Amino acid sequence: MVDLDRLSIIQQAEEGDSSVCFKLNYFFSKGAEGFPSNYKMATYYIDKLKNSSDYKIPLIRFMTLCQEGDCERAFSNYDKAIIAYTAALDTMVSHLSFKEWDFKFLQQLSELSWMNNCS
């Protein structure tokens, strides 16, 4: 399962904090769930998400799909689901505490392979 520490580390790396690269490389080398195999691939994938025209979606739609447990199916593929998740997470961090978040979708994401969607 993906945890908050790992999400936080990826977010810090995305924002240009070079001090977290060592932590990310440690997780990658351990084959941690929810991570691609290396930092370069992670940054590539984050850039791919940020540049997508589908990145901004209505938060309420996403939250409803999370509650129903149908995110990947509803968004038709993993790429669209992770884009929706990322957009919703960005909005959530601004307005809610993590304790208020439903982590069901986070668990779904951790069961899928990032590497299959980075090629």
C-alpha atoms as a PDB file:
ATOM      1  CA  MET A   1       0.000   0.000   0.000  1.00  0.00           C
ATOM      2  CA  VAL A   2       1.224   3.486  -0.835  1.00  0.00           C
ATOM      3  CA  ASP A   3       1.679   5.562   2.315  1.00  0.00           C
ATOM      4  CA  LEU A   4       1.722   9.293   3.024  1.00  0.00           C
ATOM      5  CA  ASP A   5       5.489   9.411   3.540  1.00  0.00           C
ATOM      6  CA  ARG A   6       6.075   8.080   0.049  1.00  0.00           C
ATOM      7  CA  LEU A   7       3.571  10.473  -1.499  1.00  0.00           C
ATOM      8  CA  SER A   8       5.205  13.345   0.353  1.00  0.00           C
ATOM      9  CA  ILE A   9       8.669  12.360  -0.886  1.00  0.00           C
ATOM     10  CA  ILE A  10       7.500  12.200  -4.505  1.00  0.00           C
ATOM     11  CA  GLN A  11       5.806  15.585  -4.138  1.00  0.00           C
ATOM     12  CA  GLN A  12       8.969  17.145  -2.679  1.00  0.00           C
ATOM     13  CA  ALA A  13      11.059  15.721  -5.509  1.00  0.00           C
ATOM     14  CA  GLU A  14       8.583  17.102  -8.026  1.00  0.00           C
ATOM     15  CA  GLU A  15       8.978  20.533  -6.437  1.00  0.00           C
ATOM     16  CA  GLY A  16      12.748  20.352  -6.926  1.00  0.00           C
ATOM     17  CA  ASP A  17      13.952  19.363  -3.445  1.00  0.00           C
ATOM     18  CA  SER A  18      17.175  17.519  -4.273  1.00  0.00           C
ATOM     19  CA  SER A  19      17.600  16.303  -0.683  1.00  0.00           C
ATOM     20  CA  VAL A  20      14.787  13.785  -1.144  1.00  0.00           C
ATOM     21  CA  CYS A  21      16.373  12.084  -4.156  1.00  0.00           C
ATOM     22  CA  PHE A  22      18.427   9.840  -1.875  1.00  0.00           C
ATOM     23  CA  LYS A  23      15.260   8.727  -0.070  1.00  0.00           C
ATOM     24  CA  LEU A  24      13.529   8.015  -3.362  1.00  0.00           C
ATOM     25  CA  ASN A  25      16.467   6.011  -4.643  1.00  0.00           C
ATOM     26  CA  TYR A  26      16.401   4.005  -1.409  1.00  0.00           C
ATOM     27  CA  PHE A  27      12.727   3.145  -1.924  1.00  0.00           C
ATOM     28  CA  PHE A  28      13.302   2.296  -5.585  1.00  0.00           C
ATOM     29  CA  SER A  29      16.250   0.019  -4.771  1.00  0.00           C
ATOM     30  CA  LYS A  30      14.101  -1.844  -2.242  1.00  0.00           C
ATOM     31  CA  GLY A  31      11.366  -2.429  -4.820  1.00  0.00           C
ATOM     32  CA  ALA A  32       8.840  -0.558  -2.701  1.00  0.00           C
ATOM     33  CA  GLU A  33       5.213  -0.915  -3.743  1.00  0.00           C
ATOM     34  CA  GLY A  34       3.768   1.987  -5.672  1.00  0.00           C
ATOM     35  CA  PHE A  35       7.100   3.209  -7.049  1.00  0.00           C
ATOM     36  CA  PRO A  36       8.610   2.901 -10.508  1.00  0.00           C
ATOM     37  CA  SER A  37      12.068   1.330 -10.687  1.00  0.00           C
ATOM     38  CA  ASN A  38      14.083   4.546 -10.519  1.00  0.00           C
ATOM     39  CA  TYR A  39      13.893   8.257  -9.889  1.00  0.00           C
ATOM     40  CA  LYS A  40      14.291   9.226 -13.546  1.00  0.00           C
ATOM     41  CA  MET A  41      11.235   7.166 -14.477  1.00  0.00           C
ATOM     42  CA  ALA A  42       9.259   8.711 -11.606  1.00  0.00           C
ATOM     43  CA  THR A  43      10.025  12.255 -12.716  1.00  0.00           C
ATOM     44  CA  TYR A  44       9.203  11.369 -16.320  1.00  0.00           C
ATOM     45  CA  TYR A  45       5.834  10.023 -15.250  1.00  0.00           C
ATOM     46  CA  ILE A  46       5.056  13.028 -13.051  1.00  0.00           C
ATOM     47  CA  ASP A  47       5.889  15.343 -15.979  1.00  0.00           C
ATOM     48  CA  LYS A  48       3.626  13.288 -18.217  1.00  0.00           C
ATOM     49  CA  LEU A  49       0.747  13.748 -15.756  1.00  0.00           C
ATOM     50  CA  LYS A  50       1.323  17.477 -15.330  1.00  0.00           C
ATOM     51  CA  ASN A  51       1.326  18.089 -19.080  1.00  0.00           C
ATOM     52  CA  SER A  52      -1.889  16.184 -19.735  1.00  0.00           C
ATOM     53  CA  SER A  53      -4.958  18.100 -20.870  1.00  0.00           C
ATOM     54  CA  ASP A  54      -7.024  15.756 -18.668  1.00  0.00           C
ATOM     55  CA  TYR A  55      -5.170  16.816 -15.507  1.00  0.00           C
ATOM     56  CA  LYS A  56      -7.857  19.132 -14.114  1.00  0.00           C
ATOM     57  CA  ILE A  57     -11.148  17.379 -13.480  1.00  0.00           C
ATOM     58  CA  PRO A  58     -14.055  18.166 -11.172  1.00  0.00           C
ATOM     59  CA  LEU A  59     -13.054  17.021  -7.688  1.00  0.00           C
ATOM     60  CA  ILE A  60     -16.585  15.962  -6.759  1.00  0.00           C
ATOM     61  CA  ARG A  61     -16.758  13.547  -9.713  1.00  0.00           C
ATOM     62  CA  PHE A  62     -13.472  11.977  -8.702  1.00  0.00           C
ATOM     63  CA  MET A  63     -14.458  11.687  -5.035  1.00  0.00           C
ATOM     64  CA  THR A  64     -17.702   9.944  -6.019  1.00  0.00           C
ATOM     65  CA  LEU A  65     -15.815   7.424  -8.122  1.00  0.00           C
ATOM     66  CA  CYS A  66     -13.409   6.794  -5.248  1.00  0.00           C
ATOM     67  CA  GLN A  67     -16.288   6.089  -2.902  1.00  0.00           C
ATOM     68  CA  GLU A  68     -17.696   3.599  -5.397  1.00  0.00           C
ATOM     69  CA  GLY A  69     -14.303   1.950  -5.933  1.00  0.00           C
ATOM     70  CA  ASP A  70     -14.627   2.300  -9.704  1.00  0.00           C
ATOM     71  CA  CYS A  71     -11.924   4.831 -10.543  1.00  0.00           C
ATOM     72  CA  GLU A  72      -9.859   2.897 -13.037  1.00  0.00           C
ATOM     73  CA  ARG A  73     -12.882   1.501 -14.839  1.00  0.00           C
ATOM     74  CA  ALA A  74     -14.643   4.864 -14.940  1.00  0.00           C
ATOM     75  CA  PHE A  75     -11.590   6.666 -16.292  1.00  0.00           C
ATOM     76  CA  SER A  76     -11.069   3.877 -18.872  1.00  0.00           C
ATOM     77  CA  ASN A  77      -7.410   3.268 -18.097  1.00  0.00           C
ATOM     78  CA  TYR A  78      -4.703   3.602 -15.499  1.00  0.00           C
ATOM     79  CA  ASP A  79      -3.194   6.763 -16.985  1.00  0.00           C
ATOM     80  CA  LYS A  80      -6.464   8.673 -16.738  1.00  0.00           C
ATOM     81  CA  ALA A  81      -7.171   7.329 -13.262  1.00  0.00           C
ATOM     82  CA  ILE A  82      -3.786   8.402 -11.896  1.00  0.00           C
ATOM     83  CA  ILE A  83      -4.185  11.825 -13.516  1.00  0.00           C
ATOM     84  CA  ALA A  84      -7.543  12.186 -11.789  1.00  0.00           C
ATOM     85  CA  TYR A  85      -6.072  11.001  -8.499  1.00  0.00           C
ATOM     86  CA  THR A  86      -3.171  13.446  -8.734  1.00  0.00           C
ATOM     87  CA  ALA A  87      -5.456  16.381  -9.510  1.00  0.00           C
ATOM     88  CA  ALA A  88      -7.746  15.482  -6.637  1.00  0.00           C
ATOM     89  CA  LEU A  89      -4.811  15.050  -4.260  1.00  0.00           C
ATOM     90  CA  ASP A  90      -3.514  18.521  -5.167  1.00  0.00           C
ATOM     91  CA  THR A  91      -6.929  20.006  -4.403  1.00  0.00           C
ATOM     92  CA  MET A  92      -7.340  17.973  -1.234  1.00  0.00           C
ATOM     93  CA  VAL A  93      -3.996  19.055   0.212  1.00  0.00           C
ATOM     94  CA  SER A  94      -5.088  22.672  -0.147  1.00  0.00           C
ATOM     95  CA  HIS A  95      -8.431  22.237   1.614  1.00  0.00           C
ATOM     96  CA  LEU A  96      -8.534  19.127   3.781  1.00  0.00           C
ATOM     97  CA  SER A  97      -6.389  17.199   6.208  1.00  0.00           C
ATOM     98  CA  PHE A  98      -5.133  13.777   5.154  1.00  0.00           C
ATOM     99  CA  LYS A  99      -7.200  12.214   7.939  1.00  0.00           C
ATOM    100  CA  GLU A 100     -10.363  13.232   6.093  1.00  0.00           C
ATOM    101  CA  TRP A 101      -9.340  11.422   2.888  1.00  0.00           C
ATOM    102  CA  ASP A 102     -10.712   8.070   1.829  1.00  0.00           C
ATOM    103  CA  PHE A 103      -7.674   5.897   1.075  1.00  0.00           C
ATOM    104  CA  LYS A 104      -9.531   3.189  -0.864  1.00  0.00           C
ATOM    105  CA  PHE A 105      -8.318   4.510  -4.193  1.00  0.00           C
ATOM    106  CA  LEU A 106      -4.771   4.805  -2.871  1.00  0.00           C
ATOM    107  CA  GLN A 107      -4.906   1.080  -2.158  1.00  0.00           C
ATOM    108  CA  GLN A 108      -6.185   0.395  -5.676  1.00  0.00           C
ATOM    109  CA  LEU A 109      -3.325   2.372  -7.186  1.00  0.00           C
ATOM    110  CA  SER A 110      -0.701   0.526  -5.173  1.00  0.00           C
ATOM    111  CA  GLU A 111      -1.844  -2.750  -6.719  1.00  0.00           C
ATOM    112  CA  LEU A 112      -1.138  -1.495 -10.255  1.00  0.00           C
ATOM    113  CA  SER A 113       2.245  -1.231 -11.955  1.00  0.00           C
ATOM    114  CA  TRP A 114       3.545   2.240 -12.764  1.00  0.00           C
ATOM    115  CA  MET A 115       6.151   0.797 -15.103  1.00  0.00           C
ATOM    116  CA  ASN A 116       3.568  -0.596 -17.507  1.00  0.00           C
ATOM    117  CA  ASN A 117       2.274   2.912 -18.104  1.00  0.00           C
ATOM    118  CA  CYS A 118       5.559   4.758 -18.579  1.00  0.00           C
ATOM    119  CA  SER A 119       6.636   3.178 -21.828  1.00  0.00           C
END
